[in-house]
N, C-alpha and C. Protein backbone atom coordinates (compact mmCIF):
# COMPACT_ATOMS: atom_id res chain seq x y z
N UNK A 1 1.05 -1.10 0.20
CA UNK A 1 -0.08 0.17 -0.34
C UNK A 1 1.01 1.07 0.09
N UNK A 2 0.82 2.43 -1.01
CA UNK A 2 1.15 3.22 -0.86
C UNK A 2 0.65 4.89 -1.19
N UNK A 3 1.04 5.70 -1.32
CA UNK A 3 0.32 6.87 -1.22
C UNK A 3 0.52 7.31 -3.05
N UNK A 4 1.63 6.37 -3.73
CA UNK A 4 1.72 6.97 -5.61
C UNK A 4 0.56 5.95 -6.61
N UNK A 5 0.02 6.84 -6.99
CA UNK A 5 -1.34 6.11 -8.02
C UNK A 5 -0.67 5.90 -9.24
N UNK A 6 -0.66 4.60 -9.74
CA UNK A 6 -0.42 4.42 -11.01
C UNK A 6 -1.60 3.72 -11.80
N UNK A 7 -1.44 4.46 -12.92
CA UNK A 7 -2.07 4.00 -14.07
C UNK A 7 -2.31 2.55 -14.87
N UNK A 8 -0.43 2.70 -15.03
CA UNK A 8 -0.20 1.08 -15.29
C UNK A 8 -1.18 0.09 -14.28
N UNK A 9 -0.76 0.48 -13.13
CA UNK A 9 -1.19 -0.46 -11.79
C UNK A 9 -2.62 -0.79 -11.89
N UNK A 10 -3.71 0.39 -12.14
CA UNK A 10 -4.80 0.41 -12.26
C UNK A 10 -5.47 -0.39 -13.62
N UNK A 11 -4.50 -0.32 -14.67
CA UNK A 11 -5.31 -1.05 -15.55
C UNK A 11 -5.44 -2.30 -15.66
N UNK A 12 -4.19 -2.78 -15.35
CA UNK A 12 -3.60 -3.94 -14.94
C UNK A 12 -4.74 -4.76 -14.21
N UNK A 13 -5.21 -4.01 -12.58
CA UNK A 13 -6.44 -4.87 -12.75
C UNK A 13 -7.70 -4.58 -12.94
N UNK A 14 -7.70 -3.88 -13.39
CA UNK A 14 -8.73 -3.53 -14.55
C UNK A 14 -9.11 -5.04 -15.36
N UNK A 15 -8.21 -4.96 -15.89
CA UNK A 15 -8.12 -6.23 -16.87
C UNK A 15 -8.27 -7.31 -16.34
N UNK A 16 -8.06 -7.58 -15.10
CA UNK A 16 -7.71 -8.94 -13.88
C UNK A 16 -8.87 -9.23 -13.88
N UNK A 17 -10.08 -7.96 -13.40
CA UNK A 17 -11.45 -8.09 -12.78
C UNK A 17 -12.17 -8.48 -14.13
N UNK A 18 -11.79 -7.62 -14.94
CA UNK A 18 -12.88 -7.60 -16.54
C UNK A 18 -12.85 -9.30 -16.60
N UNK A 19 -11.68 -9.86 -16.76
CA UNK A 19 -11.70 -11.08 -16.67
C UNK A 19 -12.22 -12.37 -15.86
N UNK A 20 -12.52 -11.65 -14.63
CA UNK A 20 -13.68 -12.34 -13.67
C UNK A 20 -12.76 -12.27 -12.67
N UNK A 21 -11.86 -11.82 -12.33
CA UNK A 21 -10.58 -11.76 -11.06
C UNK A 21 -11.10 -10.86 -9.68
N UNK A 22 -11.39 -11.10 -8.58
CA UNK A 22 -11.62 -10.25 -7.82
C UNK A 22 -10.72 -10.18 -7.07
N UNK A 23 -10.26 -8.72 -6.81
CA UNK A 23 -8.53 -8.15 -6.29
C UNK A 23 -8.74 -7.75 -5.02
N UNK A 24 -8.38 -8.72 -4.00
CA UNK A 24 -8.31 -7.89 -2.28
C UNK A 24 -7.03 -7.42 -1.98
N UNK A 25 -7.51 -5.82 -1.70
CA UNK A 25 -6.23 -5.11 -1.51
C UNK A 25 -6.10 -4.58 0.50
N UNK A 26 -4.95 -4.55 0.84
CA UNK A 26 -4.76 -4.14 1.95
C UNK A 26 -5.33 -2.86 1.99
N UNK A 27 -5.80 -1.88 3.38
CA UNK A 27 -6.09 -0.82 2.92
C UNK A 27 -4.69 -0.06 3.26
N UNK A 28 -3.94 -0.47 4.30
CA UNK A 28 -2.39 0.10 4.48
C UNK A 28 -2.62 0.47 6.22
N UNK A 29 -1.29 0.40 6.57
CA UNK A 29 -1.26 0.79 7.87
C UNK A 29 -1.01 2.13 8.30
N UNK A 30 -1.23 2.84 8.12
CA UNK A 30 -0.97 4.05 8.20
C UNK A 30 -2.03 4.91 8.94
N UNK A 31 -3.29 4.36 9.33
CA UNK A 31 -4.37 4.68 10.18
C UNK A 31 -5.01 5.98 9.40
N UNK A 32 -5.32 5.83 8.04
CA UNK A 32 -5.75 7.14 7.66
C UNK A 32 -6.66 6.51 6.88
N UNK A 33 -7.89 7.86 6.91
CA UNK A 33 -9.15 7.73 6.26
C UNK A 33 -8.65 7.58 4.64
N UNK A 34 -9.02 6.61 3.88
CA UNK A 34 -8.32 6.44 2.67
C UNK A 34 -9.72 7.60 1.62
N UNK A 35 -10.38 7.61 2.36
CA UNK A 35 -11.33 8.73 1.94
C UNK A 35 -11.06 10.19 1.44
N UNK A 36 -9.90 10.28 2.05
CA UNK A 36 -9.12 11.88 2.31
C UNK A 36 -7.67 11.61 1.89
N UNK A 37 -7.35 10.59 2.27
CA UNK A 37 -6.12 10.34 1.96
C UNK A 37 -5.46 9.14 0.94
N UNK A 38 -5.90 8.38 -0.05
CA UNK A 38 -5.54 7.53 -1.09
C UNK A 38 -4.38 6.80 -0.64
N UNK A 39 -4.58 5.40 -0.90
CA UNK A 39 -3.45 4.39 -0.64
C UNK A 39 -3.60 3.40 -1.65
N UNK A 40 -2.86 3.01 -2.40
CA UNK A 40 -2.99 2.17 -3.75
C UNK A 40 -2.49 0.83 -3.49
N UNK A 41 -2.79 -0.15 -3.82
CA UNK A 41 -4.15 -0.02 -4.57
C UNK A 41 -5.34 -0.49 -4.42
N UNK A 42 -5.50 -0.01 -3.39
CA UNK A 42 -7.18 -0.38 -2.75
C UNK A 42 -7.95 0.88 -3.03
N UNK A 43 -7.50 1.90 -3.08
CA UNK A 43 -7.96 3.15 -3.58
C UNK A 43 -8.61 3.59 -4.79
N UNK A 44 -7.86 2.33 -5.88
CA UNK A 44 -8.60 2.41 -7.32
C UNK A 44 -9.65 2.34 -7.78
N UNK A 45 -10.48 3.31 -8.08
CA UNK A 45 -11.86 3.17 -8.28
C UNK A 45 -12.13 2.13 -9.50
N UNK A 46 -12.04 0.83 -9.01
CA UNK A 46 -12.90 -0.33 -9.88
C UNK A 46 -13.16 -1.19 -9.15
N UNK A 47 -14.46 -1.37 -9.21
CA UNK A 47 -15.49 -2.08 -8.83
C UNK A 47 -15.20 -3.58 -8.44
N UNK A 48 -13.78 -4.10 -9.09
CA UNK A 48 -13.83 -5.39 -8.74
C UNK A 48 -12.54 -5.75 -7.53
N UNK A 49 -12.48 -4.46 -6.91
CA UNK A 49 -11.73 -4.19 -5.84
C UNK A 49 -11.97 -4.61 -4.27
N UNK A 50 -11.19 -5.81 -3.64
CA UNK A 50 -12.00 -5.17 -1.98
C UNK A 50 -10.97 -4.54 -1.13
N UNK A 51 -11.44 -3.40 -0.75
CA UNK A 51 -10.33 -3.07 -0.10
C UNK A 51 -10.77 -3.30 1.29
N UNK A 52 -9.53 -3.81 2.28
CA UNK A 52 -9.49 -4.78 3.60
C UNK A 52 -9.05 -3.63 5.30
N UNK A 53 -9.43 -3.25 5.64
CA UNK A 53 -8.97 -3.04 6.64
C UNK A 53 -8.52 -4.04 8.41
N UNK A 54 -7.82 -3.67 8.52
CA UNK A 54 -7.51 -4.73 9.97
C UNK A 54 -8.39 -4.83 11.28
N UNK A 55 -8.91 -5.80 12.03
CA UNK A 55 -9.45 -5.47 13.27
C UNK A 55 -8.40 -6.33 14.40
N UNK A 56 -8.77 -5.96 15.47
CA UNK A 56 -8.33 -6.77 16.64
C UNK A 56 -9.18 -7.90 17.00
N UNK A 57 -8.78 -8.92 18.06
CA UNK A 57 -9.42 -9.72 18.90
C UNK A 57 -11.03 -9.43 18.70
N UNK A 58 -10.86 -7.89 19.58
CA UNK A 58 -12.18 -7.20 19.80
C UNK A 58 -13.27 -6.58 19.12
N UNK A 59 -12.85 -7.17 17.73
CA UNK A 59 -13.61 -6.50 17.04
C UNK A 59 -13.44 -5.30 16.47
N UNK A 60 -13.01 -4.62 16.89
CA UNK A 60 -12.81 -3.27 17.09
C UNK A 60 -11.23 -3.01 15.80
N UNK A 61 -11.21 -1.67 14.90
CA UNK A 61 -10.65 -1.40 13.87
C UNK A 61 -8.74 -1.43 14.81
N UNK A 62 -8.19 -1.91 14.20
CA UNK A 62 -6.64 -2.12 14.83
C UNK A 62 -6.49 -0.74 14.77
N UNK A 63 -5.61 0.20 15.65
CA UNK A 63 -5.23 0.90 16.02
C UNK A 63 -4.21 1.57 14.66
N UNK A 64 -3.46 1.17 13.67
CA UNK A 64 -2.47 1.42 12.68
C UNK A 64 -3.21 1.08 11.22
N UNK A 65 -4.88 0.26 11.30
CA UNK A 65 -5.64 0.25 10.05
C UNK A 65 -6.06 1.50 9.50
N UNK A 66 -5.65 1.60 8.10
CA UNK A 66 -6.40 2.58 7.53
C UNK A 66 -8.01 2.38 7.30
N UNK A 67 -8.55 2.84 6.77
CA UNK A 67 -10.27 2.87 6.89
C UNK A 67 -10.64 3.62 5.85
N UNK A 68 -11.89 3.53 6.37
CA UNK A 68 -12.65 4.47 4.86
C UNK A 68 -14.16 4.06 4.23
N UNK A 69 -14.85 5.24 4.95
CA UNK A 69 -16.44 4.75 5.20
C UNK A 69 -16.99 4.49 3.42
N UNK A 70 -15.98 5.55 2.44
CA UNK A 70 -16.69 5.38 1.12
C UNK A 70 -15.92 4.62 0.64
N UNK A 71 -14.58 3.73 0.91
CA UNK A 71 -13.25 3.29 -0.11
C UNK A 71 -13.25 2.08 0.14
N UNK A 72 -13.33 1.43 1.87
CA UNK A 72 -12.68 0.44 2.65
C UNK A 72 -13.75 -0.57 2.62
N UNK A 73 -14.25 -1.37 2.03
CA UNK A 73 -15.34 -2.47 1.84
C UNK A 73 -15.21 -3.40 2.90
N UNK A 74 -14.36 -3.43 3.82
CA UNK A 74 -14.68 -4.82 4.60
C UNK A 74 -13.50 -4.50 5.93
N UNK A 75 -13.76 -4.90 6.95
CA UNK A 75 -12.76 -5.54 7.90
C UNK A 75 -12.84 -6.99 8.16
N UNK A 76 -11.35 -7.38 8.79
CA UNK A 76 -10.75 -8.91 8.71
C UNK A 76 -9.98 -9.21 9.97
N UNK A 77 -9.82 -9.85 10.38
CA UNK A 77 -8.55 -9.72 11.81
C UNK A 77 -7.49 -9.65 11.12
N UNK A 78 -6.79 -9.15 11.23
CA UNK A 78 -5.43 -8.29 11.39
C UNK A 78 -4.39 -8.25 12.24
N UNK A 79 -4.66 -8.56 13.33
CA UNK A 79 -3.63 -8.30 14.41
C UNK A 79 -3.54 -10.19 15.11
N UNK A 80 -2.11 -9.65 15.85
CA UNK A 80 -1.55 -10.97 15.92
C UNK A 80 -2.07 -12.38 15.13
N UNK A 81 -1.72 -12.39 14.33
CA UNK A 81 -1.69 -13.08 12.96
C UNK A 81 -0.72 -14.65 12.67
N UNK A 82 -0.60 -15.68 13.34
CA UNK A 82 0.51 -16.53 13.01
C UNK A 82 0.64 -16.72 11.57
N UNK A 83 1.90 -16.39 11.26
CA UNK A 83 2.19 -16.56 9.88
C UNK A 83 3.55 -16.97 9.30
N UNK A 84 3.63 -17.28 8.09
CA UNK A 84 5.05 -17.95 7.74
C UNK A 84 6.17 -16.68 7.70
N UNK A 85 7.82 -16.76 7.96
CA UNK A 85 8.33 -15.96 8.23
C UNK A 85 9.41 -16.65 7.56
N UNK A 86 10.39 -15.84 7.22
CA UNK A 86 11.72 -16.03 6.43
C UNK A 86 12.17 -17.17 7.15
N UNK A 87 13.02 -18.12 6.07
CA UNK A 87 14.25 -18.98 7.72
C UNK A 87 13.01 -20.06 7.78
N UNK A 88 12.11 -20.51 7.24
CA UNK A 88 11.35 -21.81 7.86
C UNK A 88 10.84 -22.02 8.99
N UNK A 89 10.10 -20.55 9.46
CA UNK A 89 10.18 -20.30 10.67
C UNK A 89 8.46 -19.66 10.23
N UNK A 90 8.16 -19.80 11.83
CA UNK A 90 6.33 -18.72 12.06
C UNK A 90 6.61 -18.11 13.13
N UNK A 91 5.79 -16.50 12.47
CA UNK A 91 5.69 -15.39 13.60
C UNK A 91 4.73 -15.14 14.22
N UNK A 92 4.18 -14.00 15.08
CA UNK A 92 2.89 -13.60 14.95
C UNK A 92 2.95 -12.43 14.13
N UNK A 93 2.38 -11.58 13.39
CA UNK A 93 2.50 -10.37 12.64
C UNK A 93 0.78 -9.70 12.54
N UNK A 94 0.98 -8.65 12.63
CA UNK A 94 -0.13 -8.00 12.62
C UNK A 94 -0.13 -6.66 11.18
N UNK A 95 -0.92 -6.46 10.63
CA UNK A 95 -1.45 -5.65 9.53
C UNK A 95 -2.68 -6.07 8.85
N UNK A 96 -2.79 -4.99 7.57
CA UNK A 96 -3.83 -5.02 6.61
C UNK A 96 -3.63 -6.12 5.95
N UNK A 97 -2.39 -6.62 5.69
CA UNK A 97 -1.73 -7.41 5.02
C UNK A 97 -2.06 -8.71 5.69
N UNK A 98 -1.79 -8.68 7.03
CA UNK A 98 -2.63 -10.18 7.49
C UNK A 98 -4.14 -10.13 7.41
N UNK A 99 -4.82 -9.04 7.41
CA UNK A 99 -6.10 -9.20 7.11
C UNK A 99 -6.76 -9.54 6.03
N UNK A 100 -5.98 -9.32 4.59
CA UNK A 100 -6.39 -9.20 3.50
C UNK A 100 -6.22 -10.69 2.75
N UNK A 101 -5.75 -11.70 3.02
CA UNK A 101 -5.53 -12.95 2.97
C UNK A 101 -6.67 -13.84 3.53
N UNK A 102 -7.26 -13.26 4.60
CA UNK A 102 -8.17 -13.95 4.84
C UNK A 102 -9.56 -13.90 4.16
N UNK A 103 -9.37 -12.54 3.85
CA UNK A 103 -10.90 -12.48 2.57
C UNK A 103 -10.71 -12.91 0.88
N UNK A 104 -9.50 -13.23 0.90
CA UNK A 104 -8.79 -13.91 -0.04
C UNK A 104 -9.22 -15.51 -0.15
N UNK A 105 -9.09 -15.57 0.87
CA UNK A 105 -9.17 -16.96 1.25
C UNK A 105 -10.71 -17.63 1.28
N UNK A 106 -11.62 -16.54 1.80
CA UNK A 106 -12.93 -16.57 1.93
C UNK A 106 -13.96 -16.34 0.32
N UNK A 107 -12.81 -15.58 -0.16
CA UNK A 107 -13.30 -15.44 -1.62
C UNK A 107 -12.98 -16.79 -2.77
N UNK A 108 -11.86 -17.43 -2.39
CA UNK A 108 -11.31 -18.74 -3.07
C UNK A 108 -12.46 -19.61 -2.73
N UNK A 109 -13.19 -20.04 -1.63
CA UNK A 109 -13.94 -20.76 -1.08
C UNK A 109 -15.59 -20.13 -1.95
N UNK A 110 -16.00 -19.35 -1.87
CA UNK A 110 -16.92 -19.24 -2.50
C UNK A 110 -17.05 -19.37 -4.30
N UNK A 111 -15.67 -18.80 -4.20
CA UNK A 111 -15.75 -19.65 -6.04
C UNK A 111 -15.81 -21.21 -6.17
N UNK A 112 -15.28 -21.43 -5.40
CA UNK A 112 -14.83 -23.07 -5.31
C UNK A 112 -16.44 -23.31 -5.41
N UNK A 113 -17.47 -22.71 -4.29
CA UNK A 113 -18.64 -23.19 -4.35
C UNK A 113 -19.66 -22.93 -5.05
N UNK A 114 -19.12 -21.73 -5.96
CA UNK A 114 -20.19 -21.45 -7.08
C UNK A 114 -19.13 -20.77 -7.84
N UNK A 115 -18.78 -21.80 -8.63
CA UNK A 115 -17.66 -20.94 -10.16
C UNK A 115 -18.15 -20.22 -11.06
N UNK A 116 -19.31 -20.10 -11.01
CA UNK A 116 -20.45 -19.31 -11.80
C UNK A 116 -19.92 -17.97 -11.52
N UNK A 117 -20.28 -17.56 -10.46
CA UNK A 117 -20.37 -16.36 -9.73
C UNK A 117 -19.84 -15.37 -10.38
N UNK A 118 -20.72 -14.08 -10.80
CA UNK A 118 -19.44 -12.86 -11.11
C UNK A 118 -18.72 -12.31 -10.45
N UNK A 119 -17.88 -11.27 -10.17
CA UNK A 119 -17.08 -10.52 -9.31
C UNK A 119 -18.18 -9.84 -8.31
N UNK A 120 -19.28 -9.18 -9.40
CA UNK A 120 -19.60 -8.11 -8.42
C UNK A 120 -20.63 -8.82 -6.94
N UNK A 121 -20.84 -10.40 -8.31
CA UNK A 121 -21.87 -11.26 -6.70
C UNK A 121 -21.32 -11.68 -5.77
N UNK A 122 -19.77 -11.51 -5.96
CA UNK A 122 -19.00 -12.12 -4.92
C UNK A 122 -18.39 -11.16 -4.53
N UNK A 123 -18.16 -10.37 -4.79
CA UNK A 123 -18.03 -8.43 -3.56
C UNK A 123 -19.10 -8.52 -2.85
N UNK A 124 -20.18 -8.21 -3.07
CA UNK A 124 -21.58 -8.54 -2.37
C UNK A 124 -21.73 -9.30 -1.38
N UNK A 125 -21.33 -10.68 -1.75
CA UNK A 125 -21.60 -11.93 -1.01
C UNK A 125 -20.65 -11.28 0.05
N UNK A 126 -19.46 -11.00 -0.13
CA UNK A 126 -18.54 -10.90 1.46
C UNK A 126 -18.78 -9.71 2.14
N UNK A 127 -19.42 -8.82 1.52
CA UNK A 127 -19.70 -7.44 2.31
C UNK A 127 -20.76 -7.89 3.12
N UNK A 128 -22.10 -8.31 1.97
CA UNK A 128 -23.44 -8.17 3.06
C UNK A 128 -23.51 -8.95 4.27
N UNK A 129 -22.68 -10.31 3.68
CA UNK A 129 -21.99 -11.39 4.79
C UNK A 129 -22.02 -10.95 6.21
N UNK A 130 -20.86 -10.24 6.13
CA UNK A 130 -20.08 -9.92 7.33
C UNK A 130 -20.78 -9.56 8.45
N UNK A 131 -20.52 -9.59 9.77
CA UNK A 131 -20.82 -8.94 11.10
C UNK A 131 -20.74 -7.71 11.05
N UNK A 132 -21.64 -6.84 11.29
CA UNK A 132 -22.39 -5.65 11.80
C UNK A 132 -21.14 -5.22 12.86
N UNK A 133 -20.53 -4.28 12.69
CA UNK A 133 -19.26 -4.06 13.64
C UNK A 133 -19.84 -2.67 14.41
N UNK A 134 -20.16 -1.96 15.25
CA UNK A 134 -19.88 -0.82 15.42
C UNK A 134 -18.51 0.20 15.32
N UNK A 135 -17.49 -0.69 15.84
CA UNK A 135 -16.45 -0.08 15.70
C UNK A 135 -16.06 0.28 13.74
N UNK A 136 -16.87 -0.48 13.03
CA UNK A 136 -16.45 -0.21 11.99
C UNK A 136 -17.49 0.28 10.85
N UNK A 137 -18.92 1.19 11.72
CA UNK A 137 -19.80 1.33 10.90
C UNK A 137 -19.52 2.89 10.34
N UNK A 138 -18.98 3.76 10.78
CA UNK A 138 -18.04 4.49 10.05
C UNK A 138 -16.93 4.51 9.20
N UNK A 139 -16.24 3.44 9.51
CA UNK A 139 -15.29 3.21 8.89
C UNK A 139 -14.85 2.20 8.21
N UNK A 140 -15.67 1.30 7.27
CA UNK A 140 -16.02 0.85 6.15
C UNK A 140 -17.41 0.81 5.47
N UNK A 141 -17.61 0.39 4.28
CA UNK A 141 -18.43 0.48 3.28
C UNK A 141 -19.67 0.04 4.10
N UNK A 142 -19.48 -1.14 4.17
CA UNK A 142 -20.75 -1.78 4.99
C UNK A 142 -20.88 -2.11 6.48
N UNK A 143 -19.51 -1.35 7.39
CA UNK A 143 -19.56 -1.38 8.65
C UNK A 143 -19.24 -3.08 8.88
N UNK A 144 -19.12 -3.51 8.39
CA UNK A 144 -18.74 -5.21 8.78
C UNK A 144 -17.60 -5.60 8.82
N UNK A 145 -17.21 -6.99 9.32
CA UNK A 145 -16.54 -7.80 9.30
C UNK A 145 -16.15 -9.30 8.77
N UNK A 146 -15.42 -9.41 7.95
CA UNK A 146 -15.40 -10.86 7.41
C UNK A 146 -16.69 -12.12 8.46
N UNK A 147 -17.32 -12.97 7.74
CA UNK A 147 -17.60 -13.93 8.88
C UNK A 147 -18.03 -15.08 7.54
N UNK A 148 -16.81 -15.66 7.44
CA UNK A 148 -16.61 -16.93 6.61
C UNK A 148 -18.36 -17.83 6.92
N UNK A 149 -18.43 -18.42 7.62
CA UNK A 149 -19.68 -19.00 7.58
C UNK A 149 -20.95 -18.24 7.01
N UNK A 150 -21.20 -17.10 7.10
CA UNK A 150 -22.26 -16.69 6.74
C UNK A 150 -22.12 -16.56 5.28
N UNK A 151 -21.05 -16.26 4.91
CA UNK A 151 -20.74 -16.34 3.20
C UNK A 151 -20.96 -17.73 3.09
N UNK A 152 -20.52 -18.51 3.11
CA UNK A 152 -20.54 -20.03 2.98
C UNK A 152 -22.04 -20.28 2.99
N UNK A 153 -22.90 -19.90 3.78
CA UNK A 153 -24.48 -19.98 4.28
C UNK A 153 -25.27 -19.49 3.08
N UNK A 154 -24.53 -18.23 2.73
CA UNK A 154 -25.53 -17.77 1.46
C UNK A 154 -25.48 -18.42 0.16
N UNK A 155 -24.70 -19.50 0.15
CA UNK A 155 -24.14 -20.15 -0.92
C UNK A 155 -24.72 -21.61 -0.74
N UNK A 156 -24.32 -22.21 0.33
CA UNK A 156 -24.90 -23.21 0.43
C UNK A 156 -25.52 -23.49 1.47
N UNK A 157 -27.04 -24.09 1.29
CA UNK A 157 -27.78 -24.11 2.59
C UNK A 157 -27.91 -25.44 4.07
N UNK A 158 -26.80 -26.59 2.83
CA UNK A 158 -26.78 -27.75 4.06
C UNK A 158 -25.20 -28.12 3.74
N UNK A 159 -24.00 -27.82 4.60
CA UNK A 159 -22.52 -28.18 4.46
C UNK A 159 -22.58 -29.23 4.09
N UNK A 160 -23.40 -30.30 4.43
CA UNK A 160 -23.09 -31.65 3.91
C UNK A 160 -23.16 -31.74 2.36
N UNK A 161 -23.71 -31.06 1.94
CA UNK A 161 -23.75 -30.81 0.34
C UNK A 161 -22.36 -30.50 -0.08
N UNK A 162 -21.36 -30.08 0.65
CA UNK A 162 -19.90 -29.51 -0.28
C UNK A 162 -19.16 -30.84 -0.19
N UNK A 163 -18.63 -30.72 -1.47
CA UNK A 163 -17.88 -31.69 -2.14
C UNK A 163 -16.24 -31.39 -1.97
N UNK A 164 -15.51 -31.84 -1.13
CA UNK A 164 -14.27 -30.95 -0.95
C UNK A 164 -13.50 -31.66 -2.00
N UNK A 165 -12.28 -31.18 -2.40
CA UNK A 165 -11.72 -31.44 -3.01
C UNK A 165 -10.51 -32.86 -2.73
N UNK A 166 -10.23 -33.75 -2.93
CA UNK A 166 -9.34 -34.47 -2.69
C UNK A 166 -7.78 -34.39 -3.03
N UNK A 167 -6.83 -34.04 -2.09
CA UNK A 167 -5.39 -33.84 -2.40
C UNK A 167 -4.60 -34.41 -1.64
N UNK A 168 -3.81 -35.42 -2.67
CA UNK A 168 -2.65 -36.30 -2.71
C UNK A 168 -1.61 -35.79 -2.87
N UNK A 169 -0.66 -36.36 -1.50
CA UNK A 169 0.67 -35.51 -1.07
C UNK A 169 1.79 -36.79 -1.85
N UNK A 170 2.41 -36.71 -2.86
CA UNK A 170 3.74 -37.71 -3.21
C UNK A 170 5.15 -37.41 -2.89
N UNK A 171 5.27 -38.24 -2.64
CA UNK A 171 7.14 -37.83 -1.98
C UNK A 171 7.01 -39.09 -0.93
N UNK A 172 8.00 -38.90 0.02
CA UNK A 172 8.64 -39.92 0.61
C UNK A 172 8.16 -39.57 1.99
N UNK A 173 8.13 -40.47 2.87
CA UNK A 173 7.72 -39.98 4.40
C UNK A 173 8.70 -39.17 4.99
N UNK A 174 10.22 -39.29 4.85
CA UNK A 174 11.33 -38.48 5.52
C UNK A 174 10.74 -37.08 4.74
N UNK A 175 10.50 -36.51 3.76
CA UNK A 175 10.67 -35.39 3.52
C UNK A 175 10.69 -34.50 4.35
N UNK A 176 9.61 -34.44 5.46
CA UNK A 176 9.05 -33.24 5.92
C UNK A 176 10.40 -33.16 7.44
N UNK A 177 11.06 -34.66 7.94
CA UNK A 177 12.24 -34.28 8.43
C UNK A 177 13.55 -34.06 7.80
N UNK A 178 13.67 -34.15 6.63
CA UNK A 178 15.10 -33.33 5.91
C UNK A 178 14.53 -32.20 5.68
N UNK A 179 13.54 -31.32 5.71
CA UNK A 179 13.15 -29.86 5.45
C UNK A 179 13.28 -29.09 6.91
N UNK A 180 13.37 -29.92 7.49
CA UNK A 180 13.62 -29.67 9.49
C UNK A 180 14.61 -29.35 9.62
């Protein structure tokens, strides 16, 4: 996320979303109101972008998170998130870059469940099925925080109807031991 607007970046995102992709963007960690202080790519005026603010464990807007009642689409957990870290390690991290992947994961799940959904339908599903949160009511477009279960239930009424893909791992049993 940054203050510099790029026509080339916006055009690339437009091509991506016009081709059916949904673009999940971190709102930024400067605590700015993006309605007044744009940060890119979240602030590009492209309908297929979902700009994501970070929330904490109390459903509050994280102290560092940028926001925007007209420009930031959704909040998602973004503080103290266990993540991969260089050197084959794990560490806790905070930021809108921790929140955006959670929205990406739910979007991917929705695409799996409804491969024919349009970008606008996916975005609407993410925004409409979130949990209303007082802390976000004037900080994001819908005033909501991501809720994966609600989003899935908006597409599938019976979770038993979901057929998960089968993933087969190939390799010898000692591969993990050698990597560590």
